[in-house]
Amino acid sequence: KTTTGKTVWSKENIKRILTTKRGERVNEPNFGSNISTFLFMPQMYVSDLLDEIKYSIETNEPRVSVKSCTLETNRLQEDTVIVKLALTYGDSEIQNIEVEI
């Protein structure tokens, strides 16, 4: 695959991992993340959310390594967070993956 193909593939898989609640899949109880828990906590710590994002991606997609992760609010949709990631997929560096959650 080309870098563009890997980027599209990674973005779709990352979004699937982050938007699936851990325990939601019957035959794969460890698949997904618990980020929804962090997003709706009254006193949420951003560092805990970033750790959960990194852990969830690297656990569910072992071919990917998260090099950096930042969050932004979506000004057009207040209930949406944009996750910006720099990932290593195999031997290639993939930059600027953005996933809305």
PDB file of N, CA and C in Angstrom:
ATOM      1  N   LYS A   1       0.835  -1.194   0.000  1.00  0.00           N
ATOM      2  CA  LYS A   1       0.000   0.000   0.000  1.00  0.00           C
ATOM      3  C   LYS A   1       0.874   1.251   0.000  1.00  0.00           C
ATOM      4  N   THR A   2       0.330   2.298  -0.508  1.00  0.00           N
ATOM      5  CA  THR A   2       1.033   3.575  -0.477  1.00  0.00           C
ATOM      6  C   THR A   2       0.829   4.218   0.883  1.00  0.00           C
ATOM      7  N   THR A   3       1.578   5.287   1.140  1.00  0.00           N
ATOM      8  CA  THR A   3       1.406   6.006   2.404  1.00  0.00           C
ATOM      9  C   THR A   3      -0.017   6.513   2.531  1.00  0.00           C
ATOM     10  N   THR A   4      -0.594   7.013   1.443  1.00  0.00           N
ATOM     11  CA  THR A   4      -1.970   7.495   1.482  1.00  0.00           C
ATOM     12  C   THR A   4      -2.928   6.366   1.828  1.00  0.00           C
ATOM     13  N   GLY A   5      -2.735   5.205   1.243  1.00  0.00           N
ATOM     14  CA  GLY A   5      -3.559   4.049   1.561  1.00  0.00           C
ATOM     15  C   GLY A   5      -3.448   3.646   3.015  1.00  0.00           C
ATOM     16  N   LYS A   6      -2.242   3.669   3.540  1.00  0.00           N
ATOM     17  CA  LYS A   6      -2.033   3.343   4.953  1.00  0.00           C
ATOM     18  C   LYS A   6      -2.693   4.376   5.840  1.00  0.00           C
ATOM     19  N   THR A   7      -2.628   5.648   5.440  1.00  0.00           N
ATOM     20  CA  THR A   7      -3.238   6.712   6.237  1.00  0.00           C
ATOM     21  C   THR A   7      -4.750   6.514   6.326  1.00  0.00           C
ATOM     22  N   VAL A   8      -5.385   6.234   5.200  1.00  0.00           N
ATOM     23  CA  VAL A   8      -6.828   6.019   5.187  1.00  0.00           C
ATOM     24  C   VAL A   8      -7.176   4.785   6.003  1.00  0.00           C
ATOM     25  N   TRP A   9      -6.426   3.699   5.799  1.00  0.00           N
ATOM     26  CA  TRP A   9      -6.667   2.472   6.542  1.00  0.00           C
ATOM     27  C   TRP A   9      -6.512   2.714   8.042  1.00  0.00           C
ATOM     28  N   SER A  10      -5.432   3.400   8.424  1.00  0.00           N
ATOM     29  CA  SER A  10      -5.177   3.651   9.838  1.00  0.00           C
ATOM     30  C   SER A  10      -6.251   4.527  10.452  1.00  0.00           C
ATOM     31  N   LYS A  11      -6.662   5.570   9.747  1.00  0.00           N
ATOM     32  CA  LYS A  11      -7.670   6.484  10.277  1.00  0.00           C
ATOM     33  C   LYS A  11      -8.978   5.741  10.550  1.00  0.00           C
ATOM     34  N   GLU A  12      -9.391   4.901   9.628  1.00  0.00           N
ATOM     35  CA  GLU A  12     -10.630   4.134   9.816  1.00  0.00           C
ATOM     36  C   GLU A  12     -10.512   3.175  10.996  1.00  0.00           C
ATOM     37  N   ASN A  13      -9.387   2.473  11.100  1.00  0.00           N
ATOM     38  CA  ASN A  13      -9.196   1.529  12.206  1.00  0.00           C
ATOM     39  C   ASN A  13      -9.073   2.237  13.546  1.00  0.00           C
ATOM     40  N   ILE A  14      -8.351   3.337  13.573  1.00  0.00           N
ATOM     41  CA  ILE A  14      -8.181   4.097  14.822  1.00  0.00           C
ATOM     42  C   ILE A  14      -9.544   4.599  15.297  1.00  0.00           C
ATOM     43  N   LYS A  15     -10.333   5.143  14.391  1.00  0.00           N
ATOM     44  CA  LYS A  15     -11.660   5.631  14.778  1.00  0.00           C
ATOM     45  C   LYS A  15     -12.516   4.488  15.299  1.00  0.00           C
ATOM     46  N   ARG A  16     -12.448   3.339  14.644  1.00  0.00           N
ATOM     47  CA  ARG A  16     -13.211   2.167  15.100  1.00  0.00           C
ATOM     48  C   ARG A  16     -12.790   1.764  16.513  1.00  0.00           C
ATOM     49  N   ILE A  17     -11.506   1.757  16.770  1.00  0.00           N
ATOM     50  CA  ILE A  17     -11.007   1.395  18.108  1.00  0.00           C
ATOM     51  C   ILE A  17     -11.488   2.403  19.150  1.00  0.00           C
ATOM     52  N   LEU A  18     -11.335   3.685  18.852  1.00  0.00           N
ATOM     53  CA  LEU A  18     -11.653   4.719  19.836  1.00  0.00           C
ATOM     54  C   LEU A  18     -13.149   4.890  20.077  1.00  0.00           C
ATOM     55  N   THR A  19     -13.970   4.598  19.083  1.00  0.00           N
ATOM     56  CA  THR A  19     -15.408   4.808  19.254  1.00  0.00           C
ATOM     57  C   THR A  19     -16.152   3.551  19.707  1.00  0.00           C
ATOM     58  N   THR A  20     -15.450   2.433  19.829  1.00  0.00           N
ATOM     59  CA  THR A  20     -16.050   1.213  20.364  1.00  0.00           C
ATOM     60  C   THR A  20     -15.748   1.139  21.849  1.00  0.00           C
ATOM     61  N   LYS A  21     -16.784   1.005  22.655  1.00  0.00           N
ATOM     62  CA  LYS A  21     -16.575   0.880  24.100  1.00  0.00           C
ATOM     63  C   LYS A  21     -15.986  -0.493  24.395  1.00  0.00           C
ATOM     64  N   ARG A  22     -14.935  -0.501  25.236  1.00  0.00           N
ATOM     65  CA  ARG A  22     -14.340  -1.774  25.620  1.00  0.00           C
ATOM     66  C   ARG A  22     -15.410  -2.635  26.284  1.00  0.00           C
ATOM     67  N   GLY A  23     -15.520  -3.883  25.829  1.00  0.00           N
ATOM     68  CA  GLY A  23     -16.532  -4.798  26.349  1.00  0.00           C
ATOM     69  C   GLY A  23     -17.790  -4.844  25.502  1.00  0.00           C
ATOM     70  N   GLU A  24     -17.903  -3.953  24.517  1.00  0.00           N
ATOM     71  CA  GLU A  24     -19.091  -3.888  23.665  1.00  0.00           C
ATOM     72  C   GLU A  24     -19.196  -5.067  22.706  1.00  0.00           C
ATOM     73  N   ARG A  25     -18.065  -5.556  22.221  1.00  0.00           N
ATOM     74  CA  ARG A  25     -18.069  -6.682  21.282  1.00  0.00           C
ATOM     75  C   ARG A  25     -18.102  -7.993  22.059  1.00  0.00           C
ATOM     76  N   VAL A  26     -19.077  -8.826  21.738  1.00  0.00           N
ATOM     77  CA  VAL A  26     -19.302 -10.067  22.476  1.00  0.00           C
ATOM     78  C   VAL A  26     -18.093 -10.988  22.425  1.00  0.00           C
ATOM     79  N   ASN A  27     -17.544 -11.237  21.266  1.00  0.00           N
ATOM     80  CA  ASN A  27     -16.432 -12.175  21.130  1.00  0.00           C
ATOM     81  C   ASN A  27     -15.067 -11.534  21.317  1.00  0.00           C
ATOM     82  N   GLU A  28     -15.017 -10.226  21.468  1.00  0.00           N
ATOM     83  CA  GLU A  28     -13.761  -9.507  21.673  1.00  0.00           C
ATOM     84  C   GLU A  28     -13.934  -8.504  22.811  1.00  0.00           C
ATOM     85  N   PRO A  29     -14.031  -8.981  24.059  1.00  0.00           N
ATOM     86  CA  PRO A  29     -14.339  -8.082  25.174  1.00  0.00           C
ATOM     87  C   PRO A  29     -13.264  -7.041  25.472  1.00  0.00           C
ATOM     88  N   ASN A  30     -12.036  -7.252  25.017  1.00  0.00           N
ATOM     89  CA  ASN A  30     -10.966  -6.288  25.277  1.00  0.00           C
ATOM     90  C   ASN A  30     -10.784  -5.282  24.147  1.00  0.00           C
ATOM     91  N   PHE A  31     -11.553  -5.436  23.056  1.00  0.00           N
ATOM     92  CA  PHE A  31     -11.434  -4.522  21.929  1.00  0.00           C
ATOM     93  C   PHE A  31     -12.103  -3.195  22.272  1.00  0.00           C
ATOM     94  N   GLY A  32     -11.489  -2.107  21.837  1.00  0.00           N
ATOM     95  CA  GLY A  32     -12.086  -0.784  22.011  1.00  0.00           C
ATOM     96  C   GLY A  32     -11.349   0.041  23.044  1.00  0.00           C
ATOM     97  N   SER A  33     -12.041   1.040  23.556  1.00  0.00           N
ATOM     98  CA  SER A  33     -11.425   1.956  24.525  1.00  0.00           C
ATOM     99  C   SER A  33     -12.449   2.390  25.567  1.00  0.00           C
ATOM    100  N   ASN A  34     -11.948   3.030  26.584  1.00  0.00           N
ATOM    101  CA  ASN A  34     -12.802   3.591  27.628  1.00  0.00           C
ATOM    102  C   ASN A  34     -12.788   5.121  27.585  1.00  0.00           C
ATOM    103  N   ILE A  35     -12.536   5.693  26.414  1.00  0.00           N
ATOM    104  CA  ILE A  35     -12.402   7.156  26.363  1.00  0.00           C
ATOM    105  C   ILE A  35     -13.705   7.880  26.668  1.00  0.00           C
ATOM    106  N   SER A  36     -14.843   7.251  26.402  1.00  0.00           N
ATOM    107  CA  SER A  36     -16.108   7.923  26.711  1.00  0.00           C
ATOM    108  C   SER A  36     -16.229   8.174  28.214  1.00  0.00           C
ATOM    109  N   THR A  37     -15.658   7.310  29.013  1.00  0.00           N
ATOM    110  CA  THR A  37     -15.655   7.506  30.460  1.00  0.00           C
ATOM    111  C   THR A  37     -14.918   8.786  30.820  1.00  0.00           C
ATOM    112  N   PHE A  38     -13.776   9.014  30.183  1.00  0.00           N
ATOM    113  CA  PHE A  38     -12.972  10.199  30.476  1.00  0.00           C
ATOM    114  C   PHE A  38     -13.621  11.474  29.943  1.00  0.00           C
ATOM    115  N   LEU A  39     -14.236  11.389  28.777  1.00  0.00           N
ATOM    116  CA  LEU A  39     -14.794  12.584  28.143  1.00  0.00           C
ATOM    117  C   LEU A  39     -15.938  13.190  28.946  1.00  0.00           C
ATOM    118  N   PHE A  40     -16.660  12.371  29.688  1.00  0.00           N
ATOM    119  CA  PHE A  40     -17.826  12.878  30.400  1.00  0.00           C
ATOM    120  C   PHE A  40     -17.633  12.947  31.910  1.00  0.00           C
ATOM    121  N   MET A  41     -16.388  12.828  32.360  1.00  0.00           N
ATOM    122  CA  MET A  41     -16.099  12.979  33.784  1.00  0.00           C
ATOM    123  C   MET A  41     -16.106  14.456  34.144  1.00  0.00           C
ATOM    124  N   PRO A  42     -16.647  14.814  35.308  1.00  0.00           N
ATOM    125  CA  PRO A  42     -16.654  16.226  35.697  1.00  0.00           C
ATOM    126  C   PRO A  42     -15.243  16.806  35.850  1.00  0.00           C
ATOM    127  N   GLN A  43     -14.321  16.026  36.370  1.00  0.00           N
ATOM    128  CA  GLN A  43     -12.947  16.486  36.549  1.00  0.00           C
ATOM    129  C   GLN A  43     -12.008  15.583  35.759  1.00  0.00           C
ATOM    130  N   MET A  44     -12.074  15.715  34.448  1.00  0.00           N
ATOM    131  CA  MET A  44     -11.281  14.878  33.568  1.00  0.00           C
ATOM    132  C   MET A  44      -9.862  15.423  33.464  1.00  0.00           C
ATOM    133  N   TYR A  45      -8.881  14.537  33.542  1.00  0.00           N
ATOM    134  CA  TYR A  45      -7.494  14.913  33.339  1.00  0.00           C
ATOM    135  C   TYR A  45      -7.103  14.549  31.916  1.00  0.00           C
ATOM    136  N   VAL A  46      -6.623  15.525  31.174  1.00  0.00           N
ATOM    137  CA  VAL A  46      -6.262  15.306  29.778  1.00  0.00           C
ATOM    138  C   VAL A  46      -5.188  14.231  29.668  1.00  0.00           C
ATOM    139  N   SER A  47      -4.241  14.212  30.589  1.00  0.00           N
ATOM    140  CA  SER A  47      -3.164  13.220  30.523  1.00  0.00           C
ATOM    141  C   SER A  47      -3.720  11.797  30.632  1.00  0.00           C
ATOM    142  N   ASP A  48      -4.750  11.588  31.441  1.00  0.00           N
ATOM    143  CA  ASP A  48      -5.370  10.265  31.558  1.00  0.00           C
ATOM    144  C   ASP A  48      -6.061   9.875  30.256  1.00  0.00           C
ATOM    145  N   LEU A  49      -6.722  10.827  29.627  1.00  0.00           N
ATOM    146  CA  LEU A  49      -7.382  10.558  28.348  1.00  0.00           C
ATOM    147  C   LEU A  49      -6.356  10.230  27.270  1.00  0.00           C
ATOM    148  N   LEU A  50      -5.267  10.973  27.216  1.00  0.00           N
ATOM    149  CA  LEU A  50      -4.213  10.703  26.233  1.00  0.00           C
ATOM    150  C   LEU A  50      -3.599   9.327  26.457  1.00  0.00           C
ATOM    151  N   ASP A  51      -3.377   8.961  27.711  1.00  0.00           N
ATOM    152  CA  ASP A  51      -2.847   7.625  28.027  1.00  0.00           C
ATOM    153  C   ASP A  51      -3.806   6.533  27.572  1.00  0.00           C
ATOM    154  N   GLU A  52      -5.103   6.727  27.775  1.00  0.00           N
ATOM    155  CA  GLU A  52      -6.101   5.742  27.359  1.00  0.00           C
ATOM    156  C   GLU A  52      -6.145   5.621  25.841  1.00  0.00           C
ATOM    157  N   ILE A  53      -6.033   6.737  25.132  1.00  0.00           N
ATOM    158  CA  ILE A  53      -6.020   6.704  23.666  1.00  0.00           C
ATOM    159  C   ILE A  53      -4.822   5.906  23.170  1.00  0.00           C
ATOM    160  N   LYS A  54      -3.646   6.228  23.701  1.00  0.00           N
ATOM    161  CA  LYS A  54      -2.418   5.531  23.279  1.00  0.00           C
ATOM    162  C   LYS A  54      -2.502   4.036  23.614  1.00  0.00           C
ATOM    163  N   TYR A  55      -2.912   3.715  24.819  1.00  0.00           N
ATOM    164  CA  TYR A  55      -3.024   2.317  25.246  1.00  0.00           C
ATOM    165  C   TYR A  55      -4.005   1.550  24.348  1.00  0.00           C
ATOM    166  N   SER A  56      -5.152   2.145  24.078  1.00  0.00           N
ATOM    167  CA  SER A  56      -6.185   1.476  23.284  1.00  0.00           C
ATOM    168  C   SER A  56      -5.718   1.209  21.858  1.00  0.00           C
ATOM    169  N   ILE A  57      -5.062   2.186  21.260  1.00  0.00           N
ATOM    170  CA  ILE A  57      -4.583   2.009  19.885  1.00  0.00           C
ATOM    171  C   ILE A  57      -3.507   0.944  19.829  1.00  0.00           C
ATOM    172  N   GLU A  58      -2.501   1.052  20.691  1.00  0.00           N
ATOM    173  CA  GLU A  58      -1.372   0.117  20.641  1.00  0.00           C
ATOM    174  C   GLU A  58      -1.762  -1.294  21.061  1.00  0.00           C
ATOM    175  N   THR A  59      -2.749  -1.442  21.918  1.00  0.00           N
ATOM    176  CA  THR A  59      -3.209  -2.764  22.340  1.00  0.00           C
ATOM    177  C   THR A  59      -4.034  -3.441  21.249  1.00  0.00           C
ATOM    178  N   ASN A  60      -4.896  -2.666  20.612  1.00  0.00           N
ATOM    179  CA  ASN A  60      -5.806  -3.228  19.615  1.00  0.00           C
ATOM    180  C   ASN A  60      -5.226  -3.272  18.215  1.00  0.00           C
ATOM    181  N   GLU A  61      -4.185  -2.531  17.956  1.00  0.00           N
ATOM    182  CA  GLU A  61      -3.529  -2.534  16.643  1.00  0.00           C
ATOM    183  C   GLU A  61      -2.015  -2.585  16.875  1.00  0.00           C
ATOM    184  N   PRO A  62      -1.474  -3.789  17.141  1.00  0.00           N
ATOM    185  CA  PRO A  62      -0.065  -3.921  17.523  1.00  0.00           C
ATOM    186  C   PRO A  62       0.933  -3.492  16.456  1.00  0.00           C
ATOM    187  N   ARG A  63       0.505  -3.337  15.217  1.00  0.00           N
ATOM    188  CA  ARG A  63       1.414  -2.867  14.162  1.00  0.00           C
ATOM    189  C   ARG A  63       1.646  -1.369  14.224  1.00  0.00           C
ATOM    190  N   VAL A  64       0.864  -0.681  15.051  1.00  0.00           N
ATOM    191  CA  VAL A  64       0.934   0.773  15.146  1.00  0.00           C
ATOM    192  C   VAL A  64       1.559   1.182  16.467  1.00  0.00           C
ATOM    193  N   SER A  65       2.436   2.180  16.414  1.00  0.00           N
ATOM    194  CA  SER A  65       3.014   2.773  17.610  1.00  0.00           C
ATOM    195  C   SER A  65       2.681   4.263  17.604  1.00  0.00           C
ATOM    196  N   VAL A  66       2.131   4.753  18.698  1.00  0.00           N
ATOM    197  CA  VAL A  66       1.751   6.165  18.799  1.00  0.00           C
ATOM    198  C   VAL A  66       2.967   6.974  19.229  1.00  0.00           C
ATOM    199  N   LYS A  67       3.396   7.900  18.381  1.00  0.00           N
ATOM    200  CA  LYS A  67       4.546   8.754  18.678  1.00  0.00           C
ATOM    201  C   LYS A  67       4.124  10.026  19.397  1.00  0.00           C
ATOM    202  N   SER A  68       2.973  10.563  19.025  1.00  0.00           N
ATOM    203  CA  SER A  68       2.437  11.726  19.728  1.00  0.00           C
ATOM    204  C   SER A  68       0.929  11.754  19.579  1.00  0.00           C
ATOM    205  N   CYS A  69       0.286  12.400  20.549  1.00  0.00           N
ATOM    206  CA  CYS A  69      -1.167  12.486  20.561  1.00  0.00           C
ATOM    207  C   CYS A  69      -1.557  13.808  21.208  1.00  0.00           C
ATOM    208  N   THR A  70      -2.386  14.568  20.516  1.00  0.00           N
ATOM    209  CA  THR A  70      -2.914  15.813  21.070  1.00  0.00           C
ATOM    210  C   THR A  70      -4.415  15.864  20.820  1.00  0.00           C
ATOM    211  N   LEU A  71      -5.078  16.733  21.564  1.00  0.00           N
ATOM    212  CA  LEU A  71      -6.521  16.880  21.444  1.00  0.00           C
ATOM    213  C   LEU A  71      -6.877  18.316  21.100  1.00  0.00           C
ATOM    214  N   GLU A  72      -7.933  18.477  20.334  1.00  0.00           N
ATOM    215  CA  GLU A  72      -8.488  19.793  20.034  1.00  0.00           C
ATOM    216  C   GLU A  72     -10.001  19.691  20.118  1.00  0.00           C
ATOM    217  N   THR A  73     -10.625  20.797  20.462  1.00  0.00           N
ATOM    218  CA  THR A  73     -12.080  20.819  20.415  1.00  0.00           C
ATOM    219  C   THR A  73     -12.508  21.196  19.005  1.00  0.00           C
ATOM    220  N   ASN A  74     -13.632  20.690  18.618  1.00  0.00           N
ATOM    221  CA  ASN A  74     -14.194  21.021  17.319  1.00  0.00           C
ATOM    222  C   ASN A  74     -15.095  22.229  17.522  1.00  0.00           C
ATOM    223  N   ARG A  75     -14.706  23.356  16.982  1.00  0.00           N
ATOM    224  CA  ARG A  75     -15.462  24.597  17.199  1.00  0.00           C
ATOM    225  C   ARG A  75     -16.827  24.571  16.542  1.00  0.00           C
ATOM    226  N   LEU A  76     -16.985  23.746  15.515  1.00  0.00           N
ATOM    227  CA  LEU A  76     -18.270  23.662  14.833  1.00  0.00           C
ATOM    228  C   LEU A  76     -19.229  22.703  15.533  1.00  0.00           C
ATOM    229  N   GLN A  77     -18.677  21.715  16.231  1.00  0.00           N
ATOM    230  CA  GLN A  77     -19.483  20.741  16.971  1.00  0.00           C
ATOM    231  C   GLN A  77     -18.911  20.632  18.370  1.00  0.00           C
ATOM    232  N   GLU A  78     -19.566  21.262  19.326  1.00  0.00           N
ATOM    233  CA  GLU A  78     -19.034  21.336  20.685  1.00  0.00           C
ATOM    234  C   GLU A  78     -18.895  19.986  21.366  1.00  0.00           C
ATOM    235  N   ASP A  79     -19.663  18.994  20.943  1.00  0.00           N
ATOM    236  CA  ASP A  79     -19.603  17.682  21.585  1.00  0.00           C
ATOM    237  C   ASP A  79     -18.622  16.738  20.903  1.00  0.00           C
ATOM    238  N   THR A  80     -17.741  17.280  20.066  1.00  0.00           N
ATOM    239  CA  THR A  80     -16.772  16.468  19.329  1.00  0.00           C
ATOM    240  C   THR A  80     -15.350  16.889  19.678  1.00  0.00           C
ATOM    241  N   VAL A  81     -14.493  15.899  19.856  1.00  0.00           N
ATOM    242  CA  VAL A  81     -13.075  16.131  20.118  1.00  0.00           C
ATOM    243  C   VAL A  81     -12.287  15.602  18.923  1.00  0.00           C
ATOM    244  N   ILE A  82     -11.281  16.347  18.508  1.00  0.00           N
ATOM    245  CA  ILE A  82     -10.410  15.910  17.423  1.00  0.00           C
ATOM    246  C   ILE A  82      -9.125  15.373  18.041  1.00  0.00           C
ATOM    247  N   VAL A  83      -8.813  14.124  17.734  1.00  0.00           N
ATOM    248  CA  VAL A  83      -7.581  13.490  18.203  1.00  0.00           C
ATOM    249  C   VAL A  83      -6.577  13.578  17.059  1.00  0.00           C
ATOM    250  N   LYS A  84      -5.442  14.221  17.316  1.00  0.00           N
ATOM    251  CA  LYS A  84      -4.383  14.331  16.306  1.00  0.00           C
ATOM    252  C   LYS A  84      -3.253  13.400  16.718  1.00  0.00           C
ATOM    253  N   LEU A  85      -2.865  12.527  15.791  1.00  0.00           N
ATOM    254  CA  LEU A  85      -1.881  11.497  16.093  1.00  0.00           C
ATOM    255  C   LEU A  85      -0.733  11.504  15.093  1.00  0.00           C
ATOM    256  N   ALA A  86       0.453  11.174  15.579  1.00  0.00           N
ATOM    257  CA  ALA A  86       1.588  10.808  14.725  1.00  0.00           C
ATOM    258  C   ALA A  86       1.871   9.349  15.052  1.00  0.00           C
ATOM    259  N   LEU A  87       1.804   8.505  14.038  1.00  0.00           N
ATOM    260  CA  LEU A  87       1.915   7.063  14.227  1.00  0.00           C
ATOM    261  C   LEU A  87       3.058   6.495  13.418  1.00  0.00           C
ATOM    262  N   THR A  88       3.637   5.432  13.931  1.00  0.00           N
ATOM    263  CA  THR A  88       4.546   4.622  13.141  1.00  0.00           C
ATOM    264  C   THR A  88       3.795   3.358  12.792  1.00  0.00           C
ATOM    265  N   TYR A  89       3.718   3.089  11.506  1.00  0.00           N
ATOM    266  CA  TYR A  89       3.079   1.872  11.023  1.00  0.00           C
ATOM    267  C   TYR A  89       4.144   1.106  10.273  1.00  0.00           C
ATOM    268  N   GLY A  90       4.617   0.028  10.872  1.00  0.00           N
ATOM    269  CA  GLY A  90       5.723  -0.710  10.255  1.00  0.00           C
ATOM    270  C   GLY A  90       6.961   0.180  10.209  1.00  0.00           C
ATOM    271  N   ASP A  91       7.510   0.341   9.014  1.00  0.00           N
ATOM    272  CA  ASP A  91       8.722   1.145   8.844  1.00  0.00           C
ATOM    273  C   ASP A  91       8.453   2.589   8.455  1.00  0.00           C
ATOM    274  N   SER A  92       7.202   2.941   8.210  1.00  0.00           N
ATOM    275  CA  SER A  92       6.931   4.298   7.732  1.00  0.00           C
ATOM    276  C   SER A  92       6.310   5.169   8.817  1.00  0.00           C
ATOM    277  N   GLU A  93       6.649   6.417   8.798  1.00  0.00           N
ATOM    278  CA  GLU A  93       6.093   7.397   9.732  1.00  0.00           C
ATOM    279  C   GLU A  93       4.844   8.006   9.094  1.00  0.00           C
ATOM    280  N   ILE A  94       3.762   7.998   9.800  1.00  0.00           N
ATOM    281  CA  ILE A  94       2.516   8.590   9.301  1.00  0.00           C
ATOM    282  C   ILE A  94       2.219   9.794  10.170  1.00  0.00           C
ATOM    283  N   GLN A  95       2.086  10.946   9.569  1.00  0.00           N
ATOM    284  CA  GLN A  95       1.842  12.174  10.313  1.00  0.00           C
ATOM    285  C   GLN A  95       0.404  12.666  10.097  1.00  0.00           C
ATOM    286  N   ASN A  96      -0.051  13.470  11.037  1.00  0.00           N
ATOM    287  CA  ASN A  96      -1.292  14.217  10.898  1.00  0.00           C
ATOM    288  C   ASN A  96      -2.542  13.377  10.669  1.00  0.00           C
ATOM    289  N   ILE A  97      -2.649  12.286  11.391  1.00  0.00           N
ATOM    290  CA  ILE A  97      -3.893  11.529  11.398  1.00  0.00           C
ATOM    291  C   ILE A  97      -4.840  12.267  12.336  1.00  0.00           C
ATOM    292  N   GLU A  98      -6.009  12.628  11.853  1.00  0.00           N
ATOM    293  CA  GLU A  98      -7.012  13.293  12.681  1.00  0.00           C
ATOM    294  C   GLU A  98      -8.268  12.448  12.712  1.00  0.00           C
ATOM    295  N   VAL A  99      -8.745  12.201  13.923  1.00  0.00           N
ATOM    296  CA  VAL A  99      -9.938  11.389  14.109  1.00  0.00           C
ATOM    297  C   VAL A  99     -10.891  12.162  15.002  1.00  0.00           C
ATOM    298  N   GLU A 100     -12.128  12.317  14.569  1.00  0.00           N
ATOM    299  CA  GLU A 100     -13.143  12.976  15.397  1.00  0.00           C
ATOM    300  C   GLU A 100     -13.858  11.934  16.239  1.00  0.00           C
ATOM    301  N   ILE A 101     -13.970  12.230  17.522  1.00  0.00           N
ATOM    302  CA  ILE A 101     -14.683  11.321  18.420  1.00  0.00           C
ATOM    303  C   ILE A 101     -15.703  12.108  19.227  1.00  0.00           C
TER     304      ILE A 101
END
